[in-house]
Amino acid sequence: MIVTDHQQDLVTVAVFGEFTLADYKEFEELVNFKVKFQGPVSLFFDLRQMADVTLDTALEEIRFSRAHANDFERIAVLTDSQWVAWSAWLSRAFVDASIRVFSDEDEARAWLSEQDVI
């Protein structure tokens, strides 16, 4: 099960229990809408309560990431799992975004709200 929220340029997803393909499709719809009407967004994934991810969801995540390689600004992943942290690192190969893994929610949110200095 997932719970989503969105603000101007941020999509937040919290996963509870098993992360299924139906959950991922819900996330995709929200991101597609935001990107279409607002341009690139940042993502905040709270995966602390995720118990498992289905194989079809993992494959869909790769497909979606490749199709949206330039649609993300920053991606913060909140987790205590080394496996999830490794997966986030692997995702860097598919998207042109800053991706960081956090164990502290306040730090993750602070990083997402920082402005890039040019």
N, C-alpha and C. Protein backbone atom coordinates (compact mmCIF):
# COMPACT_ATOMS: atom_id res chain seq x y z
N MET A 1 0.84 -1.18 0.00
CA MET A 1 0.00 0.00 0.00
C MET A 1 0.89 1.24 0.00
N ILE A 2 0.44 2.26 -0.72
CA ILE A 2 1.17 3.52 -0.71
C ILE A 2 0.23 4.66 -0.33
N VAL A 3 0.85 5.70 0.19
CA VAL A 3 0.16 6.95 0.46
C VAL A 3 0.96 8.01 -0.29
N THR A 4 0.26 8.82 -1.10
CA THR A 4 0.95 9.86 -1.86
C THR A 4 0.46 11.23 -1.44
N ASP A 5 1.32 12.20 -1.66
CA ASP A 5 1.00 13.59 -1.42
C ASP A 5 1.80 14.39 -2.43
N HIS A 6 1.31 15.56 -2.77
CA HIS A 6 2.08 16.39 -3.70
C HIS A 6 1.88 17.84 -3.38
N GLN A 7 2.96 18.58 -3.59
CA GLN A 7 2.95 20.02 -3.46
C GLN A 7 3.43 20.56 -4.80
N GLN A 8 3.71 21.82 -4.87
CA GLN A 8 4.09 22.46 -6.12
C GLN A 8 5.07 21.64 -6.95
N ASP A 9 6.24 21.35 -6.41
CA ASP A 9 7.27 20.65 -7.19
C ASP A 9 7.82 19.44 -6.45
N LEU A 10 7.00 18.85 -5.57
CA LEU A 10 7.43 17.70 -4.78
C LEU A 10 6.33 16.65 -4.73
N VAL A 11 6.71 15.41 -5.03
CA VAL A 11 5.80 14.28 -4.88
C VAL A 11 6.35 13.42 -3.75
N THR A 12 5.50 13.12 -2.77
CA THR A 12 5.88 12.31 -1.62
C THR A 12 5.15 10.98 -1.68
N VAL A 13 5.90 9.90 -1.46
CA VAL A 13 5.33 8.56 -1.47
C VAL A 13 5.81 7.82 -0.23
N ALA A 14 4.88 7.27 0.53
CA ALA A 14 5.21 6.40 1.66
C ALA A 14 4.67 5.02 1.34
N VAL A 15 5.52 4.01 1.49
CA VAL A 15 5.13 2.63 1.19
C VAL A 15 5.00 1.86 2.49
N PHE A 16 3.88 1.14 2.62
CA PHE A 16 3.61 0.32 3.80
C PHE A 16 3.37 -1.11 3.35
N GLY A 17 4.14 -2.04 3.88
CA GLY A 17 3.98 -3.44 3.48
C GLY A 17 4.60 -3.70 2.12
N GLU A 18 3.90 -4.47 1.31
CA GLU A 18 4.41 -4.83 -0.01
C GLU A 18 4.14 -3.72 -1.03
N PHE A 19 5.16 -3.38 -1.80
CA PHE A 19 5.07 -2.38 -2.87
C PHE A 19 4.71 -3.14 -4.14
N THR A 20 3.46 -3.00 -4.59
CA THR A 20 2.95 -3.77 -5.71
C THR A 20 2.93 -2.94 -7.00
N LEU A 21 2.69 -3.62 -8.10
CA LEU A 21 2.60 -2.94 -9.38
C LEU A 21 1.43 -1.95 -9.40
N ALA A 22 0.32 -2.29 -8.78
CA ALA A 22 -0.82 -1.36 -8.71
C ALA A 22 -0.43 -0.09 -7.96
N ASP A 23 0.34 -0.24 -6.89
CA ASP A 23 0.83 0.92 -6.15
C ASP A 23 1.73 1.77 -7.04
N TYR A 24 2.63 1.13 -7.76
CA TYR A 24 3.56 1.87 -8.60
C TYR A 24 2.82 2.60 -9.71
N LYS A 25 1.80 1.98 -10.27
CA LYS A 25 1.00 2.64 -11.31
C LYS A 25 0.32 3.90 -10.76
N GLU A 26 -0.13 3.85 -9.51
CA GLU A 26 -0.72 5.04 -8.86
C GLU A 26 0.32 6.16 -8.77
N PHE A 27 1.53 5.81 -8.36
CA PHE A 27 2.64 6.77 -8.30
C PHE A 27 2.92 7.33 -9.69
N GLU A 28 2.99 6.48 -10.70
CA GLU A 28 3.26 6.92 -12.08
C GLU A 28 2.24 7.94 -12.57
N GLU A 29 0.97 7.68 -12.31
CA GLU A 29 -0.09 8.61 -12.74
C GLU A 29 0.12 9.99 -12.14
N LEU A 30 0.43 10.04 -10.86
CA LEU A 30 0.64 11.32 -10.19
C LEU A 30 1.85 12.04 -10.77
N VAL A 31 2.95 11.34 -10.95
CA VAL A 31 4.16 11.96 -11.50
C VAL A 31 3.92 12.42 -12.94
N ASN A 32 3.29 11.59 -13.74
CA ASN A 32 3.01 11.99 -15.13
C ASN A 32 2.19 13.27 -15.19
N PHE A 33 1.19 13.39 -14.34
CA PHE A 33 0.36 14.59 -14.30
C PHE A 33 1.20 15.81 -13.90
N LYS A 34 1.98 15.66 -12.81
CA LYS A 34 2.79 16.79 -12.33
C LYS A 34 3.80 17.23 -13.39
N VAL A 35 4.48 16.29 -14.01
CA VAL A 35 5.51 16.62 -15.00
C VAL A 35 4.89 17.27 -16.23
N LYS A 36 3.75 16.75 -16.65
CA LYS A 36 3.09 17.29 -17.84
C LYS A 36 2.70 18.75 -17.66
N PHE A 37 2.20 19.10 -16.48
CA PHE A 37 1.68 20.45 -16.26
C PHE A 37 2.63 21.38 -15.52
N GLN A 38 3.67 20.84 -14.88
CA GLN A 38 4.56 21.69 -14.10
C GLN A 38 6.04 21.52 -14.41
N GLY A 39 6.40 20.53 -15.18
CA GLY A 39 7.81 20.29 -15.46
C GLY A 39 8.44 19.39 -14.40
N PRO A 40 9.77 19.35 -14.36
CA PRO A 40 10.47 18.45 -13.45
C PRO A 40 10.07 18.63 -11.98
N VAL A 41 10.03 17.52 -11.27
CA VAL A 41 9.65 17.50 -9.85
C VAL A 41 10.73 16.80 -9.04
N SER A 42 10.68 17.00 -7.75
CA SER A 42 11.51 16.24 -6.82
C SER A 42 10.64 15.15 -6.20
N LEU A 43 11.28 14.07 -5.78
CA LEU A 43 10.56 12.94 -5.19
C LEU A 43 11.09 12.66 -3.79
N PHE A 44 10.17 12.32 -2.91
CA PHE A 44 10.53 11.89 -1.55
C PHE A 44 9.88 10.54 -1.32
N PHE A 45 10.70 9.50 -1.23
CA PHE A 45 10.21 8.14 -0.97
C PHE A 45 10.51 7.78 0.48
N ASP A 46 9.47 7.51 1.25
CA ASP A 46 9.62 7.01 2.61
C ASP A 46 9.40 5.50 2.55
N LEU A 47 10.50 4.75 2.60
CA LEU A 47 10.44 3.30 2.46
C LEU A 47 10.75 2.58 3.76
N ARG A 48 10.65 3.27 4.87
CA ARG A 48 10.97 2.66 6.16
C ARG A 48 10.03 1.54 6.53
N GLN A 49 8.78 1.59 6.06
CA GLN A 49 7.79 0.57 6.41
C GLN A 49 7.54 -0.41 5.27
N MET A 50 8.36 -0.33 4.22
CA MET A 50 8.19 -1.25 3.10
C MET A 50 8.73 -2.63 3.50
N ALA A 51 7.90 -3.65 3.32
CA ALA A 51 8.29 -5.00 3.69
C ALA A 51 8.90 -5.75 2.51
N ASP A 52 8.39 -5.46 1.30
CA ASP A 52 8.82 -6.22 0.14
C ASP A 52 8.42 -5.45 -1.11
N VAL A 53 9.05 -5.79 -2.22
CA VAL A 53 8.68 -5.21 -3.50
C VAL A 53 8.54 -6.37 -4.49
N THR A 54 7.49 -6.34 -5.30
CA THR A 54 7.29 -7.42 -6.26
C THR A 54 8.23 -7.24 -7.45
N LEU A 55 8.55 -8.33 -8.13
CA LEU A 55 9.46 -8.29 -9.27
C LEU A 55 8.89 -7.42 -10.39
N ASP A 56 7.59 -7.52 -10.66
CA ASP A 56 7.01 -6.69 -11.72
C ASP A 56 7.09 -5.21 -11.38
N THR A 57 7.05 -4.88 -10.10
CA THR A 57 7.20 -3.48 -9.68
C THR A 57 8.63 -3.01 -9.92
N ALA A 58 9.60 -3.83 -9.59
CA ALA A 58 11.00 -3.47 -9.82
C ALA A 58 11.28 -3.25 -11.30
N LEU A 59 10.75 -4.11 -12.15
CA LEU A 59 10.93 -3.96 -13.59
C LEU A 59 10.24 -2.70 -14.11
N GLU A 60 9.06 -2.41 -13.60
CA GLU A 60 8.34 -1.20 -14.00
C GLU A 60 9.09 0.05 -13.56
N GLU A 61 9.73 0.00 -12.39
CA GLU A 61 10.51 1.14 -11.90
C GLU A 61 11.67 1.44 -12.86
N ILE A 62 12.31 0.42 -13.37
CA ILE A 62 13.40 0.62 -14.33
C ILE A 62 12.87 1.23 -15.62
N ARG A 63 11.77 0.69 -16.13
CA ARG A 63 11.17 1.20 -17.36
C ARG A 63 10.74 2.66 -17.19
N PHE A 64 10.08 2.96 -16.10
CA PHE A 64 9.59 4.31 -15.84
C PHE A 64 10.77 5.29 -15.68
N SER A 65 11.78 4.88 -14.95
CA SER A 65 12.95 5.74 -14.75
C SER A 65 13.63 6.07 -16.07
N ARG A 66 13.77 5.09 -16.93
CA ARG A 66 14.40 5.33 -18.24
C ARG A 66 13.56 6.28 -19.09
N ALA A 67 12.23 6.13 -19.02
CA ALA A 67 11.34 6.98 -19.82
C ALA A 67 11.29 8.42 -19.30
N HIS A 68 11.61 8.60 -18.03
CA HIS A 68 11.54 9.92 -17.39
C HIS A 68 12.90 10.38 -16.88
N ALA A 69 13.93 10.04 -17.59
CA ALA A 69 15.30 10.29 -17.14
C ALA A 69 15.57 11.75 -16.80
N ASN A 70 14.89 12.69 -17.46
CA ASN A 70 15.15 14.11 -17.24
C ASN A 70 14.01 14.84 -16.53
N ASP A 71 13.11 14.12 -15.93
CA ASP A 71 11.92 14.73 -15.33
C ASP A 71 12.00 14.92 -13.82
N PHE A 72 13.17 14.63 -13.23
CA PHE A 72 13.31 14.73 -11.78
C PHE A 72 14.47 15.66 -11.42
N GLU A 73 14.25 16.47 -10.39
CA GLU A 73 15.30 17.36 -9.88
C GLU A 73 16.13 16.61 -8.83
N ARG A 74 15.48 16.27 -7.73
CA ARG A 74 16.12 15.56 -6.62
C ARG A 74 15.24 14.41 -6.19
N ILE A 75 15.88 13.35 -5.76
CA ILE A 75 15.16 12.19 -5.26
C ILE A 75 15.76 11.82 -3.91
N ALA A 76 14.94 11.91 -2.87
CA ALA A 76 15.37 11.53 -1.52
C ALA A 76 14.69 10.22 -1.16
N VAL A 77 15.48 9.27 -0.69
CA VAL A 77 14.97 7.97 -0.28
C VAL A 77 15.24 7.82 1.21
N LEU A 78 14.18 7.64 1.97
CA LEU A 78 14.28 7.49 3.42
C LEU A 78 14.13 6.01 3.74
N THR A 79 15.21 5.41 4.28
CA THR A 79 15.18 3.98 4.56
C THR A 79 16.26 3.62 5.58
N ASP A 80 16.08 2.49 6.22
CA ASP A 80 17.10 1.93 7.10
C ASP A 80 17.68 0.66 6.49
N SER A 81 17.19 0.29 5.30
CA SER A 81 17.59 -0.95 4.65
C SER A 81 18.77 -0.74 3.71
N GLN A 82 19.82 -1.52 3.88
CA GLN A 82 20.97 -1.44 2.99
C GLN A 82 20.60 -1.86 1.57
N TRP A 83 19.69 -2.83 1.44
CA TRP A 83 19.27 -3.28 0.12
C TRP A 83 18.57 -2.15 -0.63
N VAL A 84 17.70 -1.43 0.02
CA VAL A 84 16.99 -0.31 -0.61
C VAL A 84 17.98 0.79 -0.96
N ALA A 85 18.93 1.04 -0.08
CA ALA A 85 19.96 2.06 -0.37
C ALA A 85 20.75 1.67 -1.60
N TRP A 86 21.12 0.40 -1.73
CA TRP A 86 21.83 -0.08 -2.91
C TRP A 86 20.98 0.09 -4.16
N SER A 87 19.68 -0.20 -4.08
CA SER A 87 18.78 -0.04 -5.22
C SER A 87 18.69 1.42 -5.65
N ALA A 88 18.67 2.33 -4.69
CA ALA A 88 18.63 3.76 -5.02
C ALA A 88 19.91 4.17 -5.74
N TRP A 89 21.02 3.65 -5.29
CA TRP A 89 22.29 3.94 -5.95
C TRP A 89 22.27 3.44 -7.39
N LEU A 90 21.72 2.25 -7.61
CA LEU A 90 21.62 1.68 -8.95
C LEU A 90 20.73 2.54 -9.86
N SER A 91 19.71 3.15 -9.31
CA SER A 91 18.79 3.99 -10.08
C SER A 91 19.48 5.19 -10.71
N ARG A 92 20.60 5.58 -10.15
CA ARG A 92 21.35 6.72 -10.69
C ARG A 92 21.74 6.50 -12.15
N ALA A 93 21.83 5.26 -12.56
CA ALA A 93 22.20 4.95 -13.94
C ALA A 93 21.09 5.32 -14.91
N PHE A 94 19.87 5.47 -14.42
CA PHE A 94 18.73 5.68 -15.30
C PHE A 94 18.17 7.09 -15.29
N VAL A 95 18.49 7.89 -14.30
CA VAL A 95 17.92 9.23 -14.21
C VAL A 95 19.00 10.28 -14.05
N ASP A 96 18.72 11.44 -14.59
CA ASP A 96 19.62 12.57 -14.47
C ASP A 96 19.12 13.46 -13.34
N ALA A 97 19.27 12.97 -12.13
CA ALA A 97 18.80 13.70 -10.94
C ALA A 97 19.77 13.42 -9.80
N SER A 98 19.77 14.30 -8.83
CA SER A 98 20.54 14.06 -7.61
C SER A 98 19.73 13.09 -6.76
N ILE A 99 20.34 11.98 -6.39
CA ILE A 99 19.68 10.97 -5.57
C ILE A 99 20.49 10.79 -4.29
N ARG A 100 19.79 10.88 -3.16
CA ARG A 100 20.46 10.66 -1.87
C ARG A 100 19.58 9.77 -1.00
N VAL A 101 20.23 8.96 -0.20
CA VAL A 101 19.56 8.07 0.74
C VAL A 101 19.76 8.64 2.14
N PHE A 102 18.69 8.66 2.91
CA PHE A 102 18.71 9.22 4.26
C PHE A 102 18.12 8.23 5.26
N SER A 103 18.56 8.34 6.50
CA SER A 103 17.93 7.59 7.58
C SER A 103 17.16 8.54 8.49
N ASP A 104 17.31 9.85 8.26
CA ASP A 104 16.64 10.87 9.06
C ASP A 104 15.70 11.69 8.17
N GLU A 105 14.42 11.71 8.51
CA GLU A 105 13.42 12.40 7.68
C GLU A 105 13.67 13.90 7.60
N ASP A 106 14.03 14.54 8.71
CA ASP A 106 14.26 15.98 8.69
C ASP A 106 15.42 16.36 7.75
N GLU A 107 16.47 15.56 7.77
CA GLU A 107 17.59 15.81 6.87
C GLU A 107 17.18 15.66 5.41
N ALA A 108 16.38 14.65 5.13
CA ALA A 108 15.91 14.42 3.76
C ALA A 108 15.06 15.58 3.27
N ARG A 109 14.14 16.02 4.10
CA ARG A 109 13.28 17.13 3.70
C ARG A 109 14.06 18.44 3.56
N ALA A 110 15.05 18.65 4.42
CA ALA A 110 15.88 19.85 4.31
C ALA A 110 16.65 19.83 2.99
N TRP A 111 17.19 18.68 2.64
CA TRP A 111 17.94 18.58 1.37
C TRP A 111 17.03 18.83 0.18
N LEU A 112 15.82 18.30 0.23
CA LEU A 112 14.88 18.52 -0.89
C LEU A 112 14.50 19.99 -1.05
N SER A 113 14.48 20.73 0.05
CA SER A 113 14.06 22.12 -0.02
C SER A 113 15.19 23.08 -0.35
N GLU A 114 16.44 22.59 -0.35
CA GLU A 114 17.57 23.45 -0.71
C GLU A 114 17.46 23.91 -2.15
N GLN A 115 17.95 25.09 -2.40
CA GLN A 115 17.98 25.63 -3.77
C GLN A 115 19.38 25.39 -4.33
N ASP A 116 19.43 24.92 -5.58
CA ASP A 116 20.74 24.76 -6.23
C ASP A 116 21.33 26.12 -6.54
N VAL A 117 22.60 26.26 -6.30
CA VAL A 117 23.30 27.51 -6.59
C VAL A 117 24.02 27.35 -7.92
N ILE A 118 23.77 28.26 -8.82
CA ILE A 118 24.39 28.18 -10.16
C ILE A 118 25.60 29.07 -10.22
